[in-house]
Amino acid sequence: MQTPSTVFFLPGALGRTEFWHPAAALLQHAARQVHVDWPGFNGVPRDPAVTRIDDLADRLLARMRTPGALVAQSMGGVIAMLAALRRPDLVTHLVLSATSGGIDMGAFDAEDWRPAMRAAHPGLPDWFEGYRDDLAPRLPTLRMPVLLLWGDADPISPVQAGEALARLLPRATLHVFPGADHSLGCTLAERVAPLIDRHLSLPSEIA
């Protein structure tokens, strides 16, 4: 059993590493903090070896030399799930905010964010938009503690998606913020940080 010595913060599809800075600055947990970037996003040079979401998960795992926690926003939540499924021995805790988590969003009447994203940011890589794998059948195998952070006014990732993830993940806790939208991990940092601190203190099954 252990608490994480490193916390990796994963941004969403815009690759904004600064998204998690406000909450990270408020954490009391004495862990090293790593803000992960995505090649080709937010001004980071492209990497020819990165052509799909799975490559970003591989890149993340290559940085995790010892077990650590993953705190992830939106698209970052899919990458966090992929990493946890591949190497559950390296992921002590998961914090997922406003994400699909790799499950099919078709049943939740979720707003398609892709057209607006493409129009506003034409220089982004296009391969990440086509990810369609459904991780739902594999999620019950994950045994680490999972904190789900959701807003009930998020059209991109409706609260029903968080509820579905809470049913699939054996050690999940869902916290819903009334009136909050897709950016709650940043805009509600002062309320999110204590929840993350408490979550990181939970025992992990990693020896």
N, C-alpha and C. Protein backbone atom coordinates (compact mmCIF):
# COMPACT_ATOMS: atom_id res chain seq x y z
N MET A 1 0.84 -1.19 0.00
CA MET A 1 0.00 0.00 0.00
C MET A 1 0.88 1.25 0.00
N GLN A 2 0.50 2.26 -0.79
CA GLN A 2 1.30 3.47 -0.81
C GLN A 2 0.50 4.64 -1.36
N THR A 3 0.93 5.84 -1.00
CA THR A 3 0.43 7.05 -1.63
C THR A 3 1.47 7.46 -2.67
N PRO A 4 1.06 8.18 -3.72
CA PRO A 4 1.97 8.44 -4.83
C PRO A 4 3.07 9.44 -4.49
N SER A 5 4.28 9.18 -5.00
CA SER A 5 5.38 10.12 -4.83
C SER A 5 5.42 11.13 -5.97
N THR A 6 4.71 10.83 -7.08
CA THR A 6 4.64 11.73 -8.22
C THR A 6 3.20 11.82 -8.69
N VAL A 7 2.78 13.03 -9.03
CA VAL A 7 1.45 13.25 -9.61
C VAL A 7 1.65 13.83 -11.00
N PHE A 8 1.10 13.16 -11.99
CA PHE A 8 1.18 13.60 -13.38
C PHE A 8 -0.14 14.27 -13.76
N PHE A 9 -0.06 15.50 -14.24
CA PHE A 9 -1.24 16.26 -14.64
C PHE A 9 -1.35 16.22 -16.16
N LEU A 10 -2.49 15.73 -16.66
CA LEU A 10 -2.71 15.54 -18.09
C LEU A 10 -3.75 16.53 -18.60
N PRO A 11 -3.41 17.32 -19.61
CA PRO A 11 -4.37 18.29 -20.14
C PRO A 11 -5.35 17.66 -21.11
N GLY A 12 -6.28 18.48 -21.59
CA GLY A 12 -7.25 18.03 -22.58
C GLY A 12 -6.74 18.19 -24.00
N ALA A 13 -7.69 18.28 -24.94
CA ALA A 13 -7.34 18.24 -26.36
C ALA A 13 -6.57 19.47 -26.83
N LEU A 14 -6.64 20.57 -26.13
CA LEU A 14 -5.85 21.74 -26.51
C LEU A 14 -4.41 21.65 -26.01
N GLY A 15 -4.16 20.68 -25.14
CA GLY A 15 -2.80 20.50 -24.64
C GLY A 15 -2.35 21.60 -23.69
N ARG A 16 -3.28 22.30 -23.06
CA ARG A 16 -2.94 23.42 -22.18
C ARG A 16 -2.42 22.90 -20.85
N THR A 17 -1.09 22.81 -20.72
CA THR A 17 -0.50 22.32 -19.48
C THR A 17 -0.85 23.22 -18.30
N GLU A 18 -1.16 24.50 -18.60
CA GLU A 18 -1.49 25.42 -17.52
C GLU A 18 -2.87 25.17 -16.93
N PHE A 19 -3.67 24.31 -17.57
CA PHE A 19 -5.03 24.05 -17.09
C PHE A 19 -5.03 23.63 -15.62
N TRP A 20 -4.12 22.73 -15.25
CA TRP A 20 -4.11 22.20 -13.89
C TRP A 20 -3.26 23.02 -12.92
N HIS A 21 -2.61 24.08 -13.36
CA HIS A 21 -1.73 24.85 -12.47
C HIS A 21 -2.45 25.38 -11.23
N PRO A 22 -3.66 25.98 -11.37
CA PRO A 22 -4.30 26.51 -10.16
C PRO A 22 -4.57 25.45 -9.09
N ALA A 23 -5.10 24.30 -9.49
CA ALA A 23 -5.37 23.24 -8.51
C ALA A 23 -4.08 22.65 -7.96
N ALA A 24 -3.10 22.45 -8.84
CA ALA A 24 -1.83 21.86 -8.40
C ALA A 24 -1.15 22.74 -7.36
N ALA A 25 -1.25 24.06 -7.53
CA ALA A 25 -0.61 24.98 -6.59
C ALA A 25 -1.24 24.93 -5.21
N LEU A 26 -2.47 24.46 -5.11
CA LEU A 26 -3.18 24.40 -3.83
C LEU A 26 -3.06 23.06 -3.13
N LEU A 27 -2.48 22.06 -3.79
CA LEU A 27 -2.39 20.74 -3.18
C LEU A 27 -1.43 20.74 -1.99
N GLN A 28 -1.82 20.03 -0.95
CA GLN A 28 -0.97 19.85 0.23
C GLN A 28 -0.17 18.56 0.16
N HIS A 29 -0.58 17.65 -0.70
CA HIS A 29 0.09 16.35 -0.81
C HIS A 29 1.54 16.54 -1.24
N ALA A 30 2.44 15.94 -0.49
CA ALA A 30 3.88 16.13 -0.72
C ALA A 30 4.38 15.20 -1.82
N ALA A 31 3.94 15.43 -3.03
CA ALA A 31 4.38 14.62 -4.18
C ALA A 31 4.98 15.55 -5.22
N ARG A 32 5.93 15.01 -5.96
CA ARG A 32 6.49 15.75 -7.09
C ARG A 32 5.40 15.91 -8.14
N GLN A 33 5.33 17.07 -8.75
CA GLN A 33 4.30 17.35 -9.75
C GLN A 33 4.93 17.44 -11.14
N VAL A 34 4.30 16.75 -12.09
CA VAL A 34 4.76 16.75 -13.49
C VAL A 34 3.57 17.14 -14.37
N HIS A 35 3.71 18.23 -15.11
CA HIS A 35 2.66 18.66 -16.03
C HIS A 35 3.03 18.16 -17.44
N VAL A 36 2.24 17.22 -17.93
CA VAL A 36 2.54 16.51 -19.18
C VAL A 36 2.02 17.32 -20.37
N ASP A 37 2.84 17.41 -21.42
CA ASP A 37 2.38 18.06 -22.65
C ASP A 37 2.17 17.01 -23.74
N TRP A 38 1.50 17.45 -24.82
CA TRP A 38 1.24 16.58 -25.96
C TRP A 38 1.95 17.13 -27.18
N PRO A 39 2.77 16.33 -27.86
CA PRO A 39 3.43 16.81 -29.09
C PRO A 39 2.41 17.25 -30.14
N GLY A 40 2.64 18.45 -30.69
CA GLY A 40 1.73 18.98 -31.70
C GLY A 40 0.61 19.84 -31.15
N PHE A 41 0.53 19.96 -29.83
CA PHE A 41 -0.53 20.73 -29.18
C PHE A 41 0.07 21.88 -28.37
N ASN A 42 -0.63 23.01 -28.34
CA ASN A 42 -0.26 24.14 -27.48
C ASN A 42 1.18 24.61 -27.71
N GLY A 43 1.61 24.60 -28.96
CA GLY A 43 2.94 25.10 -29.29
C GLY A 43 4.07 24.10 -29.12
N VAL A 44 3.77 22.88 -28.66
CA VAL A 44 4.80 21.85 -28.52
C VAL A 44 5.08 21.26 -29.90
N PRO A 45 6.36 21.14 -30.30
CA PRO A 45 6.66 20.58 -31.63
C PRO A 45 6.07 19.19 -31.83
N ARG A 46 5.69 18.90 -33.05
CA ARG A 46 5.16 17.57 -33.35
C ARG A 46 6.26 16.52 -33.28
N ASP A 47 5.85 15.31 -32.96
CA ASP A 47 6.74 14.16 -32.92
C ASP A 47 6.25 13.18 -33.98
N PRO A 48 7.06 12.87 -35.00
CA PRO A 48 6.61 11.95 -36.05
C PRO A 48 6.17 10.59 -35.53
N ALA A 49 6.66 10.22 -34.34
CA ALA A 49 6.32 8.92 -33.78
C ALA A 49 4.95 8.92 -33.11
N VAL A 50 4.35 10.09 -32.95
CA VAL A 50 3.04 10.20 -32.29
C VAL A 50 1.99 10.47 -33.35
N THR A 51 1.18 9.47 -33.64
CA THR A 51 0.15 9.59 -34.67
C THR A 51 -1.22 9.11 -34.20
N ARG A 52 -1.35 8.78 -32.91
CA ARG A 52 -2.63 8.31 -32.38
C ARG A 52 -2.64 8.45 -30.86
N ILE A 53 -3.81 8.35 -30.30
CA ILE A 53 -3.97 8.48 -28.85
C ILE A 53 -3.12 7.46 -28.12
N ASP A 54 -3.05 6.24 -28.63
CA ASP A 54 -2.27 5.19 -27.96
C ASP A 54 -0.80 5.58 -27.83
N ASP A 55 -0.28 6.35 -28.79
CA ASP A 55 1.11 6.79 -28.72
C ASP A 55 1.33 7.75 -27.56
N LEU A 56 0.31 8.57 -27.27
CA LEU A 56 0.43 9.48 -26.14
C LEU A 56 0.44 8.70 -24.82
N ALA A 57 -0.33 7.62 -24.75
CA ALA A 57 -0.31 6.76 -23.56
C ALA A 57 1.06 6.12 -23.40
N ASP A 58 1.64 5.64 -24.50
CA ASP A 58 2.98 5.05 -24.45
C ASP A 58 4.01 6.08 -23.98
N ARG A 59 3.87 7.30 -24.49
CA ARG A 59 4.80 8.37 -24.12
C ARG A 59 4.69 8.70 -22.63
N LEU A 60 3.46 8.71 -22.12
CA LEU A 60 3.26 8.95 -20.70
C LEU A 60 3.89 7.85 -19.86
N LEU A 61 3.64 6.61 -20.21
CA LEU A 61 4.18 5.49 -19.44
C LEU A 61 5.71 5.48 -19.43
N ALA A 62 6.31 5.94 -20.52
CA ALA A 62 7.77 6.00 -20.59
C ALA A 62 8.34 6.98 -19.56
N ARG A 63 7.52 7.96 -19.16
CA ARG A 63 7.97 8.94 -18.16
C ARG A 63 7.72 8.47 -16.74
N MET A 64 6.92 7.43 -16.56
CA MET A 64 6.57 6.96 -15.23
C MET A 64 7.54 5.86 -14.80
N ARG A 65 8.66 6.28 -14.26
CA ARG A 65 9.69 5.32 -13.85
C ARG A 65 9.36 4.66 -12.51
N THR A 66 8.52 5.31 -11.71
CA THR A 66 8.03 4.74 -10.46
C THR A 66 6.51 4.96 -10.42
N PRO A 67 5.78 4.21 -9.58
CA PRO A 67 4.33 4.38 -9.53
C PRO A 67 3.93 5.80 -9.17
N GLY A 68 2.86 6.28 -9.80
CA GLY A 68 2.39 7.64 -9.55
C GLY A 68 0.91 7.75 -9.85
N ALA A 69 0.37 8.92 -9.54
CA ALA A 69 -1.04 9.22 -9.76
C ALA A 69 -1.20 10.00 -11.05
N LEU A 70 -2.36 9.84 -11.70
CA LEU A 70 -2.69 10.58 -12.91
C LEU A 70 -3.91 11.44 -12.65
N VAL A 71 -3.77 12.75 -12.91
CA VAL A 71 -4.87 13.70 -12.78
C VAL A 71 -5.14 14.23 -14.19
N ALA A 72 -6.31 13.96 -14.73
CA ALA A 72 -6.52 14.15 -16.16
C ALA A 72 -7.80 14.89 -16.48
N GLN A 73 -7.72 15.74 -17.50
CA GLN A 73 -8.85 16.51 -17.99
C GLN A 73 -9.26 16.04 -19.38
N SER A 74 -10.55 15.80 -19.59
CA SER A 74 -11.13 15.57 -20.92
C SER A 74 -10.35 14.52 -21.72
N MET A 75 -9.74 14.89 -22.86
CA MET A 75 -8.99 13.92 -23.65
C MET A 75 -7.90 13.25 -22.83
N GLY A 76 -7.32 13.99 -21.90
CA GLY A 76 -6.31 13.40 -21.04
C GLY A 76 -6.83 12.23 -20.24
N GLY A 77 -8.15 12.22 -19.96
CA GLY A 77 -8.73 11.11 -19.24
C GLY A 77 -8.71 9.81 -20.03
N VAL A 78 -8.85 9.91 -21.34
CA VAL A 78 -8.75 8.72 -22.18
C VAL A 78 -7.33 8.17 -22.13
N ILE A 79 -6.36 9.06 -22.22
CA ILE A 79 -4.95 8.64 -22.16
C ILE A 79 -4.63 8.04 -20.80
N ALA A 80 -5.16 8.63 -19.74
CA ALA A 80 -4.95 8.08 -18.41
C ALA A 80 -5.53 6.68 -18.29
N MET A 81 -6.72 6.46 -18.84
CA MET A 81 -7.33 5.13 -18.80
C MET A 81 -6.49 4.11 -19.56
N LEU A 82 -6.03 4.50 -20.74
CA LEU A 82 -5.19 3.59 -21.53
C LEU A 82 -3.93 3.23 -20.76
N ALA A 83 -3.30 4.22 -20.13
CA ALA A 83 -2.08 3.97 -19.37
C ALA A 83 -2.36 3.04 -18.19
N ALA A 84 -3.46 3.28 -17.48
CA ALA A 84 -3.80 2.45 -16.33
C ALA A 84 -4.11 1.02 -16.74
N LEU A 85 -4.79 0.85 -17.88
CA LEU A 85 -5.10 -0.50 -18.35
C LEU A 85 -3.84 -1.25 -18.77
N ARG A 86 -2.89 -0.54 -19.35
CA ARG A 86 -1.66 -1.20 -19.80
C ARG A 86 -0.71 -1.51 -18.65
N ARG A 87 -0.62 -0.56 -17.71
CA ARG A 87 0.33 -0.74 -16.60
C ARG A 87 -0.34 -0.38 -15.27
N PRO A 88 -1.27 -1.22 -14.82
CA PRO A 88 -1.90 -0.94 -13.53
C PRO A 88 -0.92 -0.96 -12.37
N ASP A 89 0.24 -1.56 -12.58
CA ASP A 89 1.27 -1.59 -11.54
C ASP A 89 1.96 -0.23 -11.38
N LEU A 90 1.76 0.69 -12.34
CA LEU A 90 2.40 1.99 -12.28
C LEU A 90 1.45 3.11 -11.86
N VAL A 91 0.15 2.87 -11.91
CA VAL A 91 -0.82 3.92 -11.62
C VAL A 91 -1.46 3.67 -10.26
N THR A 92 -1.13 4.52 -9.29
CA THR A 92 -1.64 4.32 -7.93
C THR A 92 -3.04 4.88 -7.76
N HIS A 93 -3.31 6.03 -8.39
CA HIS A 93 -4.59 6.71 -8.26
C HIS A 93 -4.94 7.38 -9.58
N LEU A 94 -6.24 7.51 -9.85
CA LEU A 94 -6.73 8.25 -11.00
C LEU A 94 -7.67 9.35 -10.54
N VAL A 95 -7.51 10.54 -11.12
CA VAL A 95 -8.47 11.63 -10.98
C VAL A 95 -8.88 12.03 -12.39
N LEU A 96 -10.14 11.86 -12.71
CA LEU A 96 -10.63 12.10 -14.06
C LEU A 96 -11.68 13.20 -14.02
N SER A 97 -11.47 14.24 -14.81
CA SER A 97 -12.39 15.38 -14.82
C SER A 97 -12.99 15.57 -16.20
N ALA A 98 -14.31 15.56 -16.27
CA ALA A 98 -15.05 15.92 -17.49
C ALA A 98 -14.51 15.21 -18.73
N THR A 99 -14.52 13.89 -18.69
CA THR A 99 -13.93 13.10 -19.77
C THR A 99 -14.90 12.00 -20.21
N SER A 100 -14.64 11.45 -21.39
CA SER A 100 -15.35 10.23 -21.78
C SER A 100 -14.74 9.02 -21.09
N GLY A 101 -13.48 9.16 -20.70
CA GLY A 101 -12.79 8.03 -20.09
C GLY A 101 -12.64 6.84 -21.02
N GLY A 102 -12.87 7.07 -22.31
CA GLY A 102 -12.74 5.99 -23.27
C GLY A 102 -14.00 5.17 -23.45
N ILE A 103 -15.13 5.62 -22.91
CA ILE A 103 -16.38 4.89 -23.13
C ILE A 103 -17.18 5.57 -24.24
N ASP A 104 -18.10 4.84 -24.82
CA ASP A 104 -18.93 5.35 -25.91
C ASP A 104 -19.89 6.42 -25.37
N MET A 105 -19.79 7.63 -25.93
CA MET A 105 -20.61 8.74 -25.45
C MET A 105 -21.95 8.83 -26.19
N GLY A 106 -22.20 7.91 -27.11
CA GLY A 106 -23.40 7.98 -27.94
C GLY A 106 -24.70 7.94 -27.16
N ALA A 107 -24.70 7.31 -26.00
CA ALA A 107 -25.94 7.16 -25.23
C ALA A 107 -26.24 8.37 -24.36
N PHE A 108 -25.33 9.35 -24.31
CA PHE A 108 -25.48 10.44 -23.35
C PHE A 108 -25.83 11.78 -24.00
N ASP A 109 -26.15 11.79 -25.28
CA ASP A 109 -26.51 13.02 -25.98
C ASP A 109 -25.44 14.10 -25.78
N ALA A 110 -24.17 13.69 -25.88
CA ALA A 110 -23.06 14.61 -25.69
C ALA A 110 -22.87 15.50 -26.92
N GLU A 111 -22.53 16.74 -26.69
CA GLU A 111 -22.25 17.67 -27.78
C GLU A 111 -20.96 17.28 -28.48
N ASP A 112 -20.96 17.28 -29.82
CA ASP A 112 -19.76 16.97 -30.58
C ASP A 112 -18.86 18.21 -30.61
N TRP A 113 -17.76 18.14 -29.89
CA TRP A 113 -16.86 19.28 -29.76
C TRP A 113 -15.90 19.43 -30.95
N ARG A 114 -15.83 18.42 -31.82
CA ARG A 114 -14.80 18.39 -32.85
C ARG A 114 -14.92 19.52 -33.89
N PRO A 115 -16.11 19.80 -34.45
CA PRO A 115 -16.18 20.86 -35.46
C PRO A 115 -15.72 22.22 -34.93
N ALA A 116 -16.15 22.58 -33.73
CA ALA A 116 -15.75 23.87 -33.16
C ALA A 116 -14.26 23.89 -32.86
N MET A 117 -13.74 22.77 -32.38
CA MET A 117 -12.30 22.68 -32.10
C MET A 117 -11.50 22.86 -33.37
N ARG A 118 -11.90 22.20 -34.44
CA ARG A 118 -11.19 22.29 -35.70
C ARG A 118 -11.24 23.71 -36.27
N ALA A 119 -12.41 24.35 -36.17
CA ALA A 119 -12.55 25.71 -36.69
C ALA A 119 -11.70 26.70 -35.91
N ALA A 120 -11.65 26.54 -34.60
CA ALA A 120 -10.92 27.48 -33.76
C ALA A 120 -9.42 27.22 -33.74
N HIS A 121 -9.03 25.97 -33.98
CA HIS A 121 -7.61 25.60 -33.88
C HIS A 121 -7.23 24.73 -35.08
N PRO A 122 -7.16 25.30 -36.28
CA PRO A 122 -6.91 24.50 -37.48
C PRO A 122 -5.53 23.86 -37.52
N GLY A 123 -4.62 24.33 -36.70
CA GLY A 123 -3.27 23.77 -36.72
C GLY A 123 -3.08 22.53 -35.87
N LEU A 124 -4.11 22.12 -35.13
CA LEU A 124 -3.97 20.93 -34.29
C LEU A 124 -3.86 19.67 -35.14
N PRO A 125 -3.15 18.65 -34.65
CA PRO A 125 -3.16 17.35 -35.34
C PRO A 125 -4.59 16.85 -35.49
N ASP A 126 -4.86 16.14 -36.59
CA ASP A 126 -6.23 15.68 -36.81
C ASP A 126 -6.47 14.25 -36.34
N TRP A 127 -5.41 13.50 -36.02
CA TRP A 127 -5.59 12.09 -35.72
C TRP A 127 -6.33 11.85 -34.41
N PHE A 128 -6.24 12.79 -33.44
CA PHE A 128 -6.86 12.54 -32.14
C PHE A 128 -8.38 12.59 -32.22
N GLU A 129 -8.93 13.24 -33.26
CA GLU A 129 -10.38 13.37 -33.37
C GLU A 129 -11.06 12.06 -33.72
N GLY A 130 -10.34 11.14 -34.29
CA GLY A 130 -10.95 9.91 -34.78
C GLY A 130 -10.96 8.76 -33.80
N TYR A 131 -10.54 9.00 -32.56
CA TYR A 131 -10.49 7.90 -31.59
C TYR A 131 -11.90 7.42 -31.27
N ARG A 132 -12.15 6.12 -31.44
CA ARG A 132 -13.49 5.58 -31.23
C ARG A 132 -13.49 4.29 -30.40
N ASP A 133 -12.36 3.85 -29.89
CA ASP A 133 -12.33 2.61 -29.12
C ASP A 133 -13.21 2.73 -27.88
N ASP A 134 -13.87 1.65 -27.52
CA ASP A 134 -14.71 1.63 -26.32
C ASP A 134 -14.01 0.80 -25.25
N LEU A 135 -13.53 1.46 -24.21
CA LEU A 135 -12.78 0.78 -23.16
C LEU A 135 -13.68 0.20 -22.07
N ALA A 136 -14.97 0.43 -22.16
CA ALA A 136 -15.89 0.05 -21.08
C ALA A 136 -15.74 -1.40 -20.62
N PRO A 137 -15.63 -2.40 -21.52
CA PRO A 137 -15.54 -3.78 -21.04
C PRO A 137 -14.31 -4.06 -20.19
N ARG A 138 -13.27 -3.24 -20.32
CA ARG A 138 -12.02 -3.48 -19.60
C ARG A 138 -11.93 -2.70 -18.29
N LEU A 139 -12.76 -1.69 -18.12
CA LEU A 139 -12.60 -0.81 -16.96
C LEU A 139 -12.84 -1.49 -15.61
N PRO A 140 -13.71 -2.50 -15.50
CA PRO A 140 -13.88 -3.14 -14.19
C PRO A 140 -12.62 -3.85 -13.68
N THR A 141 -11.62 -4.01 -14.51
CA THR A 141 -10.38 -4.65 -14.06
C THR A 141 -9.49 -3.68 -13.28
N LEU A 142 -9.78 -2.38 -13.35
CA LEU A 142 -8.93 -1.40 -12.68
C LEU A 142 -9.28 -1.33 -11.19
N ARG A 143 -8.28 -1.51 -10.35
CA ARG A 143 -8.51 -1.61 -8.91
C ARG A 143 -7.96 -0.42 -8.12
N MET A 144 -7.38 0.57 -8.79
CA MET A 144 -6.88 1.73 -8.06
C MET A 144 -8.04 2.68 -7.70
N PRO A 145 -7.89 3.49 -6.67
CA PRO A 145 -8.94 4.47 -6.35
C PRO A 145 -9.09 5.48 -7.49
N VAL A 146 -10.33 5.81 -7.82
CA VAL A 146 -10.61 6.74 -8.91
C VAL A 146 -11.56 7.83 -8.39
N LEU A 147 -11.16 9.09 -8.59
CA LEU A 147 -12.01 10.23 -8.28
C LEU A 147 -12.53 10.82 -9.58
N LEU A 148 -13.84 10.92 -9.72
CA LEU A 148 -14.48 11.47 -10.91
C LEU A 148 -15.04 12.85 -10.57
N LEU A 149 -14.60 13.86 -11.31
CA LEU A 149 -15.02 15.24 -11.08
C LEU A 149 -15.88 15.69 -12.25
N TRP A 150 -17.11 16.08 -11.98
CA TRP A 150 -18.04 16.41 -13.06
C TRP A 150 -18.84 17.66 -12.75
N GLY A 151 -19.25 18.34 -13.81
CA GLY A 151 -20.22 19.42 -13.68
C GLY A 151 -21.53 19.00 -14.31
N ASP A 152 -22.64 19.43 -13.74
CA ASP A 152 -23.93 19.02 -14.30
C ASP A 152 -24.43 19.97 -15.39
N ALA A 153 -23.54 20.93 -15.79
CA ALA A 153 -23.87 21.83 -16.90
C ALA A 153 -22.83 21.71 -18.00
N ASP A 154 -22.33 20.50 -18.21
CA ASP A 154 -21.29 20.24 -19.21
C ASP A 154 -21.92 19.53 -20.40
N PRO A 155 -22.09 20.21 -21.54
CA PRO A 155 -22.70 19.55 -22.70
C PRO A 155 -21.74 18.59 -23.41
N ILE A 156 -20.44 18.77 -23.21
CA ILE A 156 -19.45 17.94 -23.90
C ILE A 156 -19.32 16.58 -23.23
N SER A 157 -19.27 16.59 -21.92
CA SER A 157 -19.22 15.33 -21.16
C SER A 157 -20.31 15.38 -20.09
N PRO A 158 -21.53 15.02 -20.47
CA PRO A 158 -22.66 15.11 -19.53
C PRO A 158 -22.42 14.27 -18.27
N VAL A 159 -23.09 14.66 -17.21
CA VAL A 159 -22.90 13.98 -15.93
C VAL A 159 -23.25 12.50 -16.04
N GLN A 160 -24.11 12.13 -16.99
CA GLN A 160 -24.44 10.71 -17.17
C GLN A 160 -23.20 9.88 -17.53
N ALA A 161 -22.23 10.51 -18.20
CA ALA A 161 -20.99 9.80 -18.51
C ALA A 161 -20.20 9.52 -17.24
N GLY A 162 -20.17 10.50 -16.33
CA GLY A 162 -19.51 10.28 -15.06
C GLY A 162 -20.20 9.19 -14.25
N GLU A 163 -21.51 9.17 -14.29
CA GLU A 163 -22.25 8.14 -13.57
C GLU A 163 -21.96 6.76 -14.15
N ALA A 164 -21.84 6.68 -15.47
CA ALA A 164 -21.51 5.40 -16.11
C ALA A 164 -20.12 4.92 -15.71
N LEU A 165 -19.17 5.84 -15.68
CA LEU A 165 -17.82 5.47 -15.25
C LEU A 165 -17.81 5.02 -13.79
N ALA A 166 -18.60 5.68 -12.96
CA ALA A 166 -18.67 5.30 -11.55
C ALA A 166 -19.19 3.88 -11.38
N ARG A 167 -20.09 3.47 -12.27
CA ARG A 167 -20.62 2.09 -12.20
C ARG A 167 -19.58 1.08 -12.70
N LEU A 168 -18.76 1.48 -13.65
CA LEU A 168 -17.81 0.55 -14.26
C LEU A 168 -16.54 0.35 -13.43
N LEU A 169 -16.12 1.39 -12.73
CA LEU A 169 -14.85 1.35 -12.00
C LEU A 169 -15.09 0.94 -10.56
N PRO A 170 -14.48 -0.15 -10.10
CA PRO A 170 -14.81 -0.72 -8.79
C PRO A 170 -14.56 0.21 -7.61
N ARG A 171 -13.54 1.09 -7.71
CA ARG A 171 -13.20 1.95 -6.56
C ARG A 171 -13.39 3.42 -6.90
N ALA A 172 -14.45 3.74 -7.62
CA ALA A 172 -14.67 5.11 -8.07
C ALA A 172 -15.60 5.87 -7.13
N THR A 173 -15.31 7.16 -7.00
CA THR A 173 -16.18 8.10 -6.29
C THR A 173 -16.47 9.26 -7.22
N LEU A 174 -17.75 9.58 -7.42
CA LEU A 174 -18.16 10.66 -8.31
C LEU A 174 -18.54 11.88 -7.48
N HIS A 175 -17.94 13.03 -7.83
CA HIS A 175 -18.31 14.30 -7.19
C HIS A 175 -18.83 15.23 -8.28
N VAL A 176 -20.08 15.65 -8.14
CA VAL A 176 -20.72 16.51 -9.13
C VAL A 176 -20.83 17.93 -8.58
N PHE A 177 -20.37 18.91 -9.38
CA PHE A 177 -20.45 20.32 -9.01
C PHE A 177 -21.66 20.94 -9.72
N PRO A 178 -22.67 21.36 -8.98
CA PRO A 178 -23.84 21.97 -9.61
C PRO A 178 -23.47 23.22 -10.41
N GLY A 179 -23.97 23.29 -11.64
CA GLY A 179 -23.75 24.46 -12.48
C GLY A 179 -22.39 24.53 -13.15
N ALA A 180 -21.51 23.56 -12.89
CA ALA A 180 -20.16 23.61 -13.45
C ALA A 180 -20.12 23.05 -14.86
N ASP A 181 -19.16 23.54 -15.65
CA ASP A 181 -19.06 23.11 -17.04
C ASP A 181 -17.78 22.30 -17.26
N HIS A 182 -17.33 22.24 -18.51
CA HIS A 182 -16.22 21.37 -18.89
C HIS A 182 -14.88 21.79 -18.27
N SER A 183 -14.76 23.03 -17.87
CA SER A 183 -13.47 23.54 -17.39
C SER A 183 -13.37 23.57 -15.87
N LEU A 184 -14.20 22.83 -15.17
CA LEU A 184 -14.26 22.93 -13.71
C LEU A 184 -12.94 22.62 -13.02
N GLY A 185 -12.12 21.77 -13.60
CA GLY A 185 -10.84 21.43 -12.98
C GLY A 185 -9.95 22.64 -12.80
N CYS A 186 -10.13 23.63 -13.67
CA CYS A 186 -9.36 24.87 -13.59
C CYS A 186 -10.13 25.96 -12.86
N THR A 187 -11.36 26.19 -13.27
CA THR A 187 -12.13 27.32 -12.74
C THR A 187 -12.56 27.12 -11.29
N LEU A 188 -12.68 25.88 -10.85
CA LEU A 188 -13.08 25.58 -9.47
C LEU A 188 -11.91 24.97 -8.69
N ALA A 189 -10.70 25.47 -8.97
CA ALA A 189 -9.49 24.88 -8.39
C ALA A 189 -9.53 24.84 -6.87
N GLU A 190 -10.07 25.88 -6.23
CA GLU A 190 -10.08 25.94 -4.77
C GLU A 190 -11.01 24.89 -4.17
N ARG A 191 -11.97 24.40 -4.94
CA ARG A 191 -12.86 23.35 -4.47
C ARG A 191 -12.37 21.97 -4.90
N VAL A 192 -11.69 21.92 -6.02
CA VAL A 192 -11.19 20.66 -6.55
C VAL A 192 -9.96 20.17 -5.78
N ALA A 193 -9.06 21.08 -5.42
CA ALA A 193 -7.79 20.68 -4.80
C ALA A 193 -7.98 19.88 -3.51
N PRO A 194 -8.86 20.28 -2.58
CA PRO A 194 -9.03 19.46 -1.37
C PRO A 194 -9.54 18.05 -1.66
N LEU A 195 -10.37 17.92 -2.68
CA LEU A 195 -10.87 16.59 -3.05
C LEU A 195 -9.73 15.72 -3.58
N ILE A 196 -8.85 16.32 -4.38
CA ILE A 196 -7.70 15.58 -4.89
C ILE A 196 -6.77 15.19 -3.75
N ASP A 197 -6.51 16.13 -2.84
CA ASP A 197 -5.65 15.82 -1.68
C ASP A 197 -6.18 14.63 -0.90
N ARG A 198 -7.48 14.66 -0.61
CA ARG A 198 -8.09 13.57 0.15
C ARG A 198 -7.98 12.26 -0.62
N HIS A 199 -8.19 12.33 -1.93
CA HIS A 199 -8.14 11.13 -2.76
C HIS A 199 -6.74 10.52 -2.78
N LEU A 200 -5.72 11.37 -2.89
CA LEU A 200 -4.34 10.87 -2.97
C LEU A 200 -3.89 10.22 -1.66
N SER A 201 -4.60 10.49 -0.58
CA SER A 201 -4.24 9.88 0.71
C SER A 201 -4.84 8.48 0.87
N LEU A 202 -5.72 8.09 -0.05
CA LEU A 202 -6.31 6.74 0.02
C LEU A 202 -5.27 5.69 -0.29
N PRO A 203 -5.33 4.55 0.36
CA PRO A 203 -4.35 3.49 0.08
C PRO A 203 -4.52 2.91 -1.32
N SER A 204 -3.40 2.66 -1.96
CA SER A 204 -3.39 2.01 -3.26
C SER A 204 -3.08 0.54 -3.07
N GLU A 205 -3.49 -0.27 -4.05
CA GLU A 205 -3.22 -1.71 -3.95
C GLU A 205 -1.82 -2.06 -4.44
N ILE A 206 -1.09 -1.06 -4.96
CA ILE A 206 0.28 -1.32 -5.42
C ILE A 206 1.17 -1.48 -4.19
N ALA A 207 1.92 -2.57 -4.15
CA ALA A 207 2.77 -2.84 -2.98
C ALA A 207 3.99 -1.93 -2.99
